[in-house]
Amino acid sequence: ETVLGRENLAGALALGMIVVVAVVMTMYALVQRRAARW
């Protein structure tokens, strides 16, 4: 209630989180694909 007019900042923060998690999960998929070989 003290930070008025910045509600949409949450969307920008969510975008930052999505980028970080997307990078990590892409790395996870690549590593897991290599592990699945053996």
Full PDB file with SEQRES, HELIX, SHEET, SSBOND, CRYST1, ORIGX, SCALE, CONECT and MASTER records, all heavy atoms in Angstrom:
SEQRES   1 A   38  GLU THR VAL LEU GLY ARG GLU ASN LEU ALA GLY ALA LEU          
SEQRES   2 A   38  ALA LEU GLY MET ILE VAL VAL VAL ALA VAL VAL MET THR          
SEQRES   3 A   38  MET TYR ALA LEU VAL GLN ARG ARG ALA ALA ARG TRP              
HELIX    1 AA1 LEU A    9  ALA A   35  1                                  27    
CRYST1    1.000    1.000    1.000  90.00  90.00  90.00 P 1           1          
ORIGX1      1.000000  0.000000  0.000000        0.00000                         
ORIGX2      0.000000  1.000000  0.000000        0.00000                         
ORIGX3      0.000000  0.000000  1.000000        0.00000                         
SCALE1      1.000000  0.000000  0.000000        0.00000                         
SCALE2      0.000000  1.000000  0.000000        0.00000                         
SCALE3      0.000000  0.000000  1.000000        0.00000                         
ATOM      1  N   GLU A   1       0.813  -1.206   0.000  1.00  0.00           N  
ATOM      2  CA  GLU A   1       0.000   0.000   0.000  1.00  0.00           C  
ATOM      3  C   GLU A   1       0.854   1.267   0.000  1.00  0.00           C  
ATOM      4  O   GLU A   1       0.328   2.377  -0.069  1.00  0.00           O  
ATOM      5  CB  GLU A   1      -0.907   0.009   1.229  1.00  0.00           C  
ATOM      6  CG  GLU A   1      -1.918  -1.128   1.242  1.00  0.00           C  
ATOM      7  CD  GLU A   1      -2.809  -1.072   2.466  1.00  0.00           C  
ATOM      8  OE1 GLU A   1      -2.569  -0.201   3.322  1.00  0.00           O  
ATOM      9  OE2 GLU A   1      -3.737  -1.891   2.566  1.00  0.00           O  
ATOM     10  N   THR A   2       2.165   1.091   0.082  1.00  0.00           N  
ATOM     11  CA  THR A   2       3.066   2.251   0.111  1.00  0.00           C  
ATOM     12  C   THR A   2       3.774   2.468  -1.222  1.00  0.00           C  
ATOM     13  O   THR A   2       4.351   3.517  -1.447  1.00  0.00           O  
ATOM     14  CB  THR A   2       4.126   2.079   1.215  1.00  0.00           C  
ATOM     15  OG1 THR A   2       4.887   0.880   0.956  1.00  0.00           O  
ATOM     16  CG2 THR A   2       3.466   1.965   2.570  1.00  0.00           C  
ATOM     17  N   VAL A   3       3.747   1.438  -2.095  1.00  0.00           N  
ATOM     18  CA  VAL A   3       4.379   1.567  -3.411  1.00  0.00           C  
ATOM     19  C   VAL A   3       3.269   1.599  -4.450  1.00  0.00           C  
ATOM     20  O   VAL A   3       2.920   0.587  -5.044  1.00  0.00           O  
ATOM     21  CB  VAL A   3       5.357   0.407  -3.688  1.00  0.00           C  
ATOM     22  CG1 VAL A   3       6.088   0.651  -5.007  1.00  0.00           C  
ATOM     23  CG2 VAL A   3       6.344   0.262  -2.548  1.00  0.00           C  
ATOM     24  N   LEU A   4       2.650   2.746  -4.640  1.00  0.00           N  
ATOM     25  CA  LEU A   4       1.512   2.866  -5.531  1.00  0.00           C  
ATOM     26  C   LEU A   4       1.976   3.094  -6.964  1.00  0.00           C  
ATOM     27  O   LEU A   4       2.992   3.736  -7.216  1.00  0.00           O  
ATOM     28  CB  LEU A   4       0.612   4.028  -5.079  1.00  0.00           C  
ATOM     29  CG  LEU A   4       0.043   3.909  -3.660  1.00  0.00           C  
ATOM     30  CD1 LEU A   4      -0.791   5.144  -3.325  1.00  0.00           C  
ATOM     31  CD2 LEU A   4      -0.787   2.648  -3.507  1.00  0.00           C  
ATOM     32  N   GLY A   5       1.208   2.563  -7.906  1.00  0.00           N  
ATOM     33  CA  GLY A   5       1.499   2.766  -9.311  1.00  0.00           C  
ATOM     34  C   GLY A   5       2.611   1.878  -9.852  1.00  0.00           C  
ATOM     35  O   GLY A   5       3.004   2.032 -11.001  1.00  0.00           O  
ATOM     36  N   ARG A   6       3.142   0.972  -9.045  1.00  0.00           N  
ATOM     37  CA  ARG A   6       4.217   0.106  -9.516  1.00  0.00           C  
ATOM     38  C   ARG A   6       3.802  -1.361  -9.471  1.00  0.00           C  
ATOM     39  O   ARG A   6       4.642  -2.247  -9.393  1.00  0.00           O  
ATOM     40  CB  ARG A   6       5.471   0.296  -8.659  1.00  0.00           C  
ATOM     41  CG  ARG A   6       6.049   1.683  -8.675  1.00  0.00           C  
ATOM     42  CD  ARG A   6       6.424   2.125 -10.090  1.00  0.00           C  
ATOM     43  NE  ARG A   6       7.401   1.259 -10.687  1.00  0.00           N  
ATOM     44  CZ  ARG A   6       8.723   1.385 -10.504  1.00  0.00           C  
ATOM     45  NH1 ARG A   6       9.185   2.342  -9.739  1.00  0.00           N  
ATOM     46  NH2 ARG A   6       9.550   0.557 -11.097  1.00  0.00           N  
ATOM     47  N   GLU A   7       2.488  -1.619  -9.529  1.00  0.00           N  
ATOM     48  CA  GLU A   7       2.020  -2.990  -9.483  1.00  0.00           C  
ATOM     49  C   GLU A   7       2.577  -3.818 -10.639  1.00  0.00           C  
ATOM     50  O   GLU A   7       2.855  -5.009 -10.491  1.00  0.00           O  
ATOM     51  CB  GLU A   7       0.481  -3.043  -9.509  1.00  0.00           C  
ATOM     52  CG  GLU A   7      -0.195  -2.402  -8.299  1.00  0.00           C  
ATOM     53  CD  GLU A   7      -0.371  -0.904  -8.475  1.00  0.00           C  
ATOM     54  OE1 GLU A   7       0.088  -0.391  -9.508  1.00  0.00           O  
ATOM     55  OE2 GLU A   7      -0.954  -0.266  -7.586  1.00  0.00           O  
ATOM     56  N   ASN A   8       2.729  -3.183 -11.795  1.00  0.00           N  
ATOM     57  CA  ASN A   8       3.209  -3.903 -12.968  1.00  0.00           C  
ATOM     58  C   ASN A   8       4.696  -4.217 -12.901  1.00  0.00           C  
ATOM     59  O   ASN A   8       5.226  -4.910 -13.770  1.00  0.00           O  
ATOM     60  CB  ASN A   8       2.912  -3.100 -14.239  1.00  0.00           C  
ATOM     61  CG  ASN A   8       1.429  -3.105 -14.575  1.00  0.00           C  
ATOM     62  OD1 ASN A   8       0.635  -3.692 -13.847  1.00  0.00           O  
ATOM     63  ND2 ASN A   8       1.044  -2.451 -15.643  1.00  0.00           N  
ATOM     64  N   LEU A   9       5.376  -3.685 -11.882  1.00  0.00           N  
ATOM     65  CA  LEU A   9       6.765  -4.074 -11.670  1.00  0.00           C  
ATOM     66  C   LEU A   9       6.869  -5.568 -11.402  1.00  0.00           C  
ATOM     67  O   LEU A   9       7.886  -6.194 -11.719  1.00  0.00           O  
ATOM     68  CB  LEU A   9       7.355  -3.288 -10.496  1.00  0.00           C  
ATOM     69  CG  LEU A   9       8.778  -3.656 -10.060  1.00  0.00           C  
ATOM     70  CD1 LEU A   9       9.770  -3.404 -11.189  1.00  0.00           C  
ATOM     71  CD2 LEU A   9       9.180  -2.868  -8.816  1.00  0.00           C  
ATOM     72  N   ALA A  10       5.796  -6.147 -10.841  1.00  0.00           N  
ATOM     73  CA  ALA A  10       5.792  -7.581 -10.584  1.00  0.00           C  
ATOM     74  C   ALA A  10       5.975  -8.378 -11.870  1.00  0.00           C  
ATOM     75  O   ALA A  10       6.625  -9.429 -11.884  1.00  0.00           O  
ATOM     76  CB  ALA A  10       4.491  -7.987  -9.892  1.00  0.00           C  
ATOM     77  N   GLY A  11       5.396  -7.889 -12.979  1.00  0.00           N  
ATOM     78  CA  GLY A  11       5.564  -8.572 -14.258  1.00  0.00           C  
ATOM     79  C   GLY A  11       7.004  -8.563 -14.725  1.00  0.00           C  
ATOM     80  O   GLY A  11       7.501  -9.558 -15.269  1.00  0.00           O  
ATOM     81  N   ALA A  12       7.697  -7.439 -14.518  1.00  0.00           N  
ATOM     82  CA  ALA A  12       9.113  -7.365 -14.897  1.00  0.00           C  
ATOM     83  C   ALA A  12       9.956  -8.304 -14.036  1.00  0.00           C  
ATOM     84  O   ALA A  12      10.877  -8.961 -14.530  1.00  0.00           O  
ATOM     85  CB  ALA A  12       9.609  -5.929 -14.775  1.00  0.00           C  
ATOM     86  N   LEU A  13       9.641  -8.360 -12.736  1.00  0.00           N  
ATOM     87  CA  LEU A  13      10.356  -9.284 -11.853  1.00  0.00           C  
ATOM     88  C   LEU A  13      10.090 -10.731 -12.256  1.00  0.00           C  
ATOM     89  O   LEU A  13      11.006 -11.575 -12.235  1.00  0.00           O  
ATOM     90  CB  LEU A  13       9.922  -9.061 -10.406  1.00  0.00           C  
ATOM     91  CG  LEU A  13      10.311  -7.723  -9.777  1.00  0.00           C  
ATOM     92  CD1 LEU A  13       9.643  -7.556  -8.419  1.00  0.00           C  
ATOM     93  CD2 LEU A  13      11.823  -7.612  -9.637  1.00  0.00           C  
ATOM     94  N   ALA A  14       8.842 -11.021 -12.613  1.00  0.00           N  
ATOM     95  CA  ALA A  14       8.511 -12.368 -13.075  1.00  0.00           C  
ATOM     96  C   ALA A  14       9.284 -12.715 -14.338  1.00  0.00           C  
ATOM     97  O   ALA A  14       9.748 -13.855 -14.506  1.00  0.00           O  
ATOM     98  CB  ALA A  14       7.011 -12.483 -13.317  1.00  0.00           C  
ATOM     99  N   LEU A  15       9.442 -11.754 -15.226  1.00  0.00           N  
ATOM    100  CA  LEU A  15      10.216 -11.981 -16.440  1.00  0.00           C  
ATOM    101  C   LEU A  15      11.662 -12.320 -16.104  1.00  0.00           C  
ATOM    102  O   LEU A  15      12.256 -13.238 -16.687  1.00  0.00           O  
ATOM    103  CB  LEU A  15      10.163 -10.742 -17.341  1.00  0.00           C  
ATOM    104  CG  LEU A  15      11.034 -10.790 -18.604  1.00  0.00           C  
ATOM    105  CD1 LEU A  15      10.621 -11.952 -19.487  1.00  0.00           C  
ATOM    106  CD2 LEU A  15      10.929  -9.475 -19.372  1.00  0.00           C  
ATOM    107  N   GLY A  16      12.240 -11.585 -15.133  1.00  0.00           N  
ATOM    108  CA  GLY A  16      13.605 -11.895 -14.720  1.00  0.00           C  
ATOM    109  C   GLY A  16      13.727 -13.290 -14.153  1.00  0.00           C  
ATOM    110  O   GLY A  16      14.689 -14.020 -14.449  1.00  0.00           O  
ATOM    111  N   MET A  17      12.740 -13.708 -13.351  1.00  0.00           N  
ATOM    112  CA  MET A  17      12.757 -15.061 -12.804  1.00  0.00           C  
ATOM    113  C   MET A  17      12.628 -16.104 -13.901  1.00  0.00           C  
ATOM    114  O   MET A  17      13.307 -17.139 -13.882  1.00  0.00           O  
ATOM    115  CB  MET A  17      11.622 -15.243 -11.791  1.00  0.00           C  
ATOM    116  CG  MET A  17      11.840 -14.574 -10.458  1.00  0.00           C  
ATOM    117  SD  MET A  17      10.672 -15.160  -9.215  1.00  0.00           S  
ATOM    118  CE  MET A  17      11.206 -16.859  -9.028  1.00  0.00           C  
ATOM    119  N   ILE A  18      11.744 -15.839 -14.865  1.00  0.00           N  
ATOM    120  CA  ILE A  18      11.539 -16.792 -15.959  1.00  0.00           C  
ATOM    121  C   ILE A  18      12.824 -16.974 -16.761  1.00  0.00           C  
ATOM    122  O   ILE A  18      13.182 -18.088 -17.160  1.00  0.00           O  
ATOM    123  CB  ILE A  18      10.388 -16.314 -16.862  1.00  0.00           C  
ATOM    124  CG1 ILE A  18       9.058 -16.447 -16.111  1.00  0.00           C  
ATOM    125  CG2 ILE A  18      10.334 -17.120 -18.154  1.00  0.00           C  
ATOM    126  CD1 ILE A  18       7.883 -15.840 -16.837  1.00  0.00           C  
ATOM    127  N   VAL A  19      13.540 -15.881 -16.996  1.00  0.00           N  
ATOM    128  CA  VAL A  19      14.790 -15.971 -17.751  1.00  0.00           C  
ATOM    129  C   VAL A  19      15.808 -16.830 -16.999  1.00  0.00           C  
ATOM    130  O   VAL A  19      16.446 -17.730 -17.580  1.00  0.00           O  
ATOM    131  CB  VAL A  19      15.357 -14.554 -18.009  1.00  0.00           C  
ATOM    132  CG1 VAL A  19      16.767 -14.644 -18.578  1.00  0.00           C  
ATOM    133  CG2 VAL A  19      14.452 -13.790 -18.949  1.00  0.00           C  
ATOM    134  N   VAL A  20      15.957 -16.588 -15.684  1.00  0.00           N  
ATOM    135  CA  VAL A  20      16.922 -17.359 -14.894  1.00  0.00           C  
ATOM    136  C   VAL A  20      16.550 -18.843 -14.876  1.00  0.00           C  
ATOM    137  O   VAL A  20      17.387 -19.723 -15.134  1.00  0.00           O  
ATOM    138  CB  VAL A  20      16.993 -16.805 -13.457  1.00  0.00           C  
ATOM    139  CG1 VAL A  20      17.857 -17.715 -12.579  1.00  0.00           C  
ATOM    140  CG2 VAL A  20      17.552 -15.391 -13.454  1.00  0.00           C  
ATOM    141  N   VAL A  21      15.284 -19.133 -14.581  1.00  0.00           N  
ATOM    142  CA  VAL A  21      14.847 -20.524 -14.502  1.00  0.00           C  
ATOM    143  C   VAL A  21      14.926 -21.196 -15.872  1.00  0.00           C  
ATOM    144  O   VAL A  21      15.288 -22.369 -15.980  1.00  0.00           O  
ATOM    145  CB  VAL A  21      13.415 -20.608 -13.931  1.00  0.00           C  
ATOM    146  CG1 VAL A  21      12.892 -22.039 -13.983  1.00  0.00           C  
ATOM    147  CG2 VAL A  21      13.396 -20.099 -12.499  1.00  0.00           C  
ATOM    148  N   ALA A  22      14.601 -20.459 -16.945  1.00  0.00           N  
ATOM    149  CA  ALA A  22      14.674 -21.032 -18.284  1.00  0.00           C  
ATOM    150  C   ALA A  22      16.106 -21.411 -18.646  1.00  0.00           C  
ATOM    151  O   ALA A  22      16.350 -22.480 -19.232  1.00  0.00           O  
ATOM    152  CB  ALA A  22      14.114 -20.048 -19.308  1.00  0.00           C  
ATOM    153  N   VAL A  23      17.067 -20.560 -18.300  1.00  0.00           N  
ATOM    154  CA  VAL A  23      18.474 -20.875 -18.567  1.00  0.00           C  
ATOM    155  C   VAL A  23      18.899 -22.110 -17.793  1.00  0.00           C  
ATOM    156  O   VAL A  23      19.542 -23.029 -18.340  1.00  0.00           O  
ATOM    157  CB  VAL A  23      19.371 -19.674 -18.207  1.00  0.00           C  
ATOM    158  CG1 VAL A  23      20.844 -20.072 -18.267  1.00  0.00           C  
ATOM    159  CG2 VAL A  23      19.106 -18.505 -19.145  1.00  0.00           C  
ATOM    160  N   VAL A  24      18.525 -22.172 -16.514  1.00  0.00           N  
ATOM    161  CA  VAL A  24      18.907 -23.314 -15.682  1.00  0.00           C  
ATOM    162  C   VAL A  24      18.272 -24.605 -16.200  1.00  0.00           C  
ATOM    163  O   VAL A  24      18.929 -25.646 -16.294  1.00  0.00           O  
ATOM    164  CB  VAL A  24      18.512 -23.063 -14.216  1.00  0.00           C  
ATOM    165  CG1 VAL A  24      18.736 -24.319 -13.375  1.00  0.00           C  
ATOM    166  CG2 VAL A  24      19.322 -21.907 -13.642  1.00  0.00           C  
ATOM    167  N   MET A  25      16.988 -24.557 -16.545  1.00  0.00           N  
ATOM    168  CA  MET A  25      16.312 -25.771 -17.002  1.00  0.00           C  
ATOM    169  C   MET A  25      16.789 -26.196 -18.390  1.00  0.00           C  
ATOM    170  O   MET A  25      16.769 -27.395 -18.714  1.00  0.00           O  
ATOM    171  CB  MET A  25      14.800 -25.553 -17.006  1.00  0.00           C  
ATOM    172  CG  MET A  25      14.205 -25.327 -15.615  1.00  0.00           C  
ATOM    173  SD  MET A  25      14.731 -26.562 -14.389  1.00  0.00           S  
ATOM    174  CE  MET A  25      14.039 -28.062 -15.078  1.00  0.00           C  
ATOM    175  N   THR A  26      17.214 -25.257 -19.219  1.00  0.00           N  
ATOM    176  CA  THR A  26      17.816 -25.627 -20.504  1.00  0.00           C  
ATOM    177  C   THR A  26      19.126 -26.369 -20.288  1.00  0.00           C  
ATOM    178  O   THR A  26      19.392 -27.404 -20.933  1.00  0.00           O  
ATOM    179  CB  THR A  26      18.053 -24.374 -21.362  1.00  0.00           C  
ATOM    180  OG1 THR A  26      16.807 -23.713 -21.602  1.00  0.00           O  
ATOM    181  CG2 THR A  26      18.689 -24.748 -22.695  1.00  0.00           C  
ATOM    182  N   MET A  27      19.941 -25.856 -19.364  1.00  0.00           N  
ATOM    183  CA  MET A  27      21.175 -26.559 -19.020  1.00  0.00           C  
ATOM    184  C   MET A  27      20.862 -27.940 -18.444  1.00  0.00           C  
ATOM    185  O   MET A  27      21.541 -28.925 -18.749  1.00  0.00           O  
ATOM    186  CB  MET A  27      21.980 -25.725 -18.017  1.00  0.00           C  
ATOM    187  CG  MET A  27      22.467 -24.404 -18.550  1.00  0.00           C  
ATOM    188  SD  MET A  27      23.193 -23.343 -17.258  1.00  0.00           S  
ATOM    189  CE  MET A  27      24.504 -24.403 -16.655  1.00  0.00           C  
ATOM    190  N   TYR A  28      19.818 -28.021 -17.614  1.00  0.00           N  
ATOM    191  CA  TYR A  28      19.408 -29.303 -17.031  1.00  0.00           C  
ATOM    192  C   TYR A  28      19.027 -30.302 -18.123  1.00  0.00           C  
ATOM    193  O   TYR A  28      19.429 -31.471 -18.073  1.00  0.00           O  
ATOM    194  CB  TYR A  28      18.224 -29.088 -16.090  1.00  0.00           C  
ATOM    195  CG  TYR A  28      17.532 -30.360 -15.662  1.00  0.00           C  
ATOM    196  CD1 TYR A  28      18.076 -31.178 -14.681  1.00  0.00           C  
ATOM    197  CD2 TYR A  28      16.331 -30.742 -16.244  1.00  0.00           C  
ATOM    198  CE1 TYR A  28      17.445 -32.350 -14.292  1.00  0.00           C  
ATOM    199  CE2 TYR A  28      15.692 -31.903 -15.869  1.00  0.00           C  
ATOM    200  CZ  TYR A  28      16.244 -32.700 -14.886  1.00  0.00           C  
ATOM    201  OH  TYR A  28      15.624 -33.865 -14.512  1.00  0.00           O  
ATOM    202  N   ALA A  29      18.259 -29.845 -19.128  1.00  0.00           N  
ATOM    203  CA  ALA A  29      17.833 -30.733 -20.203  1.00  0.00           C  
ATOM    204  C   ALA A  29      19.029 -31.242 -21.009  1.00  0.00           C  
ATOM    205  O   ALA A  29      19.088 -32.426 -21.375  1.00  0.00           O  
ATOM    206  CB  ALA A  29      16.839 -30.012 -21.117  1.00  0.00           C  
ATOM    207  N   LEU A  30      19.991 -30.348 -21.269  1.00  0.00           N  
ATOM    208  CA  LEU A  30      21.171 -30.753 -22.034  1.00  0.00           C  
ATOM    209  C   LEU A  30      22.013 -31.757 -21.256  1.00  0.00           C  
ATOM    210  O   LEU A  30      22.479 -32.770 -21.819  1.00  0.00           O  
ATOM    211  CB  LEU A  30      22.006 -29.523 -22.390  1.00  0.00           C  
ATOM    212  CG  LEU A  30      21.345 -28.505 -23.333  1.00  0.00           C  
ATOM    213  CD1 LEU A  30      22.233 -27.282 -23.507  1.00  0.00           C  
ATOM    214  CD2 LEU A  30      21.051 -29.155 -24.679  1.00  0.00           C  
ATOM    215  N   VAL A  31      22.223 -31.496 -19.970  1.00  0.00           N  
ATOM    216  CA  VAL A  31      23.023 -32.416 -19.154  1.00  0.00           C  
ATOM    217  C   VAL A  31      22.304 -33.745 -18.983  1.00  0.00           C  
ATOM    218  O   VAL A  31      22.919 -34.816 -19.048  1.00  0.00           O  
ATOM    219  CB  VAL A  31      23.327 -31.776 -17.784  1.00  0.00           C  
ATOM    220  CG1 VAL A  31      24.026 -32.772 -16.872  1.00  0.00           C  
ATOM    221  CG2 VAL A  31      24.199 -30.539 -17.964  1.00  0.00           C  
ATOM    222  N   GLN A  32      20.976 -33.696 -18.770  1.00  0.00           N  
ATOM    223  CA  GLN A  32      20.209 -34.918 -18.591  1.00  0.00           C  
ATOM    224  C   GLN A  32      20.207 -35.769 -19.855  1.00  0.00           C  
ATOM    225  O   GLN A  32      20.222 -37.010 -19.783  1.00  0.00           O  
ATOM    226  CB  GLN A  32      18.768 -34.578 -18.192  1.00  0.00           C  
ATOM    227  CG  GLN A  32      17.923 -35.780 -17.809  1.00  0.00           C  
ATOM    228  CD  GLN A  32      18.458 -36.501 -16.583  1.00  0.00           C  
ATOM    229  OE1 GLN A  32      19.132 -35.895 -15.748  1.00  0.00           O  
ATOM    230  NE2 GLN A  32      18.194 -37.783 -16.488  1.00  0.00           N  
ATOM    231  N   ARG A  33      20.220 -35.123 -21.002  1.00  0.00           N  
ATOM    232  CA  ARG A  33      20.292 -35.866 -22.264  1.00  0.00           C  
ATOM    233  C   ARG A  33      21.616 -36.616 -22.378  1.00  0.00           C  
ATOM    234  O   ARG A  33      21.657 -37.762 -22.833  1.00  0.00           O  
ATOM    235  CB  ARG A  33      20.140 -34.903 -23.444  1.00  0.00           C  
ATOM    236  CG  ARG A  33      20.135 -35.581 -24.808  1.00  0.00           C  
ATOM    237  CD  ARG A  33      20.044 -34.557 -25.911  1.00  0.00           C  
ATOM    238  NE  ARG A  33      18.865 -33.703 -25.760  1.00  0.00           N  
ATOM    239  CZ  ARG A  33      18.606 -32.666 -26.541  1.00  0.00           C  
ATOM    240  NH1 ARG A  33      19.451 -32.340 -27.520  1.00  0.00           N  
ATOM    241  NH2 ARG A  33      17.531 -31.933 -26.342  1.00  0.00           N  
ATOM    242  N   ARG A  34      22.676 -35.984 -21.918  1.00  0.00           N  
ATOM    243  CA  ARG A  34      23.976 -36.661 -21.940  1.00  0.00           C  
ATOM    244  C   ARG A  34      23.996 -37.821 -20.938  1.00  0.00           C  
ATOM    245  O   ARG A  34      24.537 -38.894 -21.219  1.00  0.00           O  
ATOM    246  CB  ARG A  34      25.089 -35.667 -21.608  1.00  0.00           C  
ATOM    247  CG  ARG A  34      26.483 -36.282 -21.600  1.00  0.00           C  
ATOM    248  CD  ARG A  34      27.559 -35.243 -21.310  1.00  0.00           C  
ATOM    249  NE  ARG A  34      28.883 -35.830 -21.293  1.00  0.00           N  
ATOM    250  CZ  ARG A  34      29.628 -36.032 -22.355  1.00  0.00           C  
ATOM    251  NH1 ARG A  34      29.180 -35.681 -23.538  1.00  0.00           N  
ATOM    252  NH2 ARG A  34      30.832 -36.572 -22.263  1.00  0.00           N  
ATOM    253  N   ALA A  35      23.399 -37.614 -19.768  1.00  0.00           N  
ATOM    254  CA  ALA A  35      23.365 -38.667 -18.756  1.00  0.00           C  
ATOM    255  C   ALA A  35      22.523 -39.848 -19.221  1.00  0.00           C  
ATOM    256  O   ALA A  35      22.801 -40.999 -18.838  1.00  0.00           O  
ATOM    257  CB  ALA A  35      22.823 -38.116 -17.432  1.00  0.00           C  
ATOM    258  N   ALA A  36      21.491 -39.589 -20.031  1.00  0.00           N  
ATOM    259  CA  ALA A  36      20.600 -40.662 -20.476  1.00  0.00           C  
ATOM    260  C   ALA A  36      21.284 -41.616 -21.445  1.00  0.00           C  
ATOM    261  O   ALA A  36      20.801 -42.729 -21.660  1.00  0.00           O  
ATOM    262  CB  ALA A  36      19.353 -40.066 -21.111  1.00  0.00           C  
ATOM    263  N   ARG A  37      22.423 -41.227 -22.007  1.00  0.00           N  
ATOM    264  CA  ARG A  37      23.104 -42.091 -22.977  1.00  0.00           C  
ATOM    265  C   ARG A  37      23.547 -43.405 -22.341  1.00  0.00           C  
ATOM    266  O   ARG A  37      23.322 -44.484 -22.879  1.00  0.00           O  
ATOM    267  CB  ARG A  37      24.311 -41.361 -23.564  1.00  0.00           C  
ATOM    268  CG  ARG A  37      23.967 -40.126 -24.394  1.00  0.00           C  
ATOM    269  CD  ARG A  37      25.235 -39.452 -24.895  1.00  0.00           C  
ATOM    270  NE  ARG A  37      24.939 -38.247 -25.655  1.00  0.00           N  
ATOM    271  CZ  ARG A  37      25.872 -37.438 -26.148  1.00  0.00           C  
ATOM    272  NH1 ARG A  37      27.157 -37.710 -25.973  1.00  0.00           N  
ATOM    273  NH2 ARG A  37      25.507 -36.358 -26.822  1.00  0.00           N  
ATOM    274  N   TRP A  38      24.178 -43.312 -21.162  1.00  0.00           N  
ATOM    275  CA  TRP A  38      24.663 -44.532 -20.542  1.00  0.00           C  
ATOM    276  C   TRP A  38      23.579 -45.207 -19.716  1.00  0.00           C  
ATOM    277  O   TRP A  38      23.607 -46.420 -19.500  1.00  0.00           O  
ATOM    278  CB  TRP A  38      25.889 -44.254 -19.672  1.00  0.00           C  
ATOM    279  CG  TRP A  38      25.616 -43.447 -18.441  1.00  0.00           C  
ATOM    280  CD1 TRP A  38      25.693 -42.101 -18.309  1.00  0.00           C  
ATOM    281  CD2 TRP A  38      25.222 -43.950 -17.161  1.00  0.00           C  
ATOM    282  NE1 TRP A  38      25.367 -41.718 -17.031  1.00  0.00           N  
ATOM    283  CE2 TRP A  38      25.077 -42.831 -16.304  1.00  0.00           C  
ATOM    284  CE3 TRP A  38      24.984 -45.223 -16.650  1.00  0.00           C  
ATOM    285  CZ2 TRP A  38      24.704 -42.959 -14.982  1.00  0.00           C  
ATOM    286  CZ3 TRP A  38      24.613 -45.355 -15.330  1.00  0.00           C  
ATOM    287  CH2 TRP A  38      24.469 -44.242 -14.515  1.00  0.00           C  
TER     288      TRP A  38                                                      
MASTER        0    0    0    1    0    0    0    6  287    1    0    3          
END                                                                             
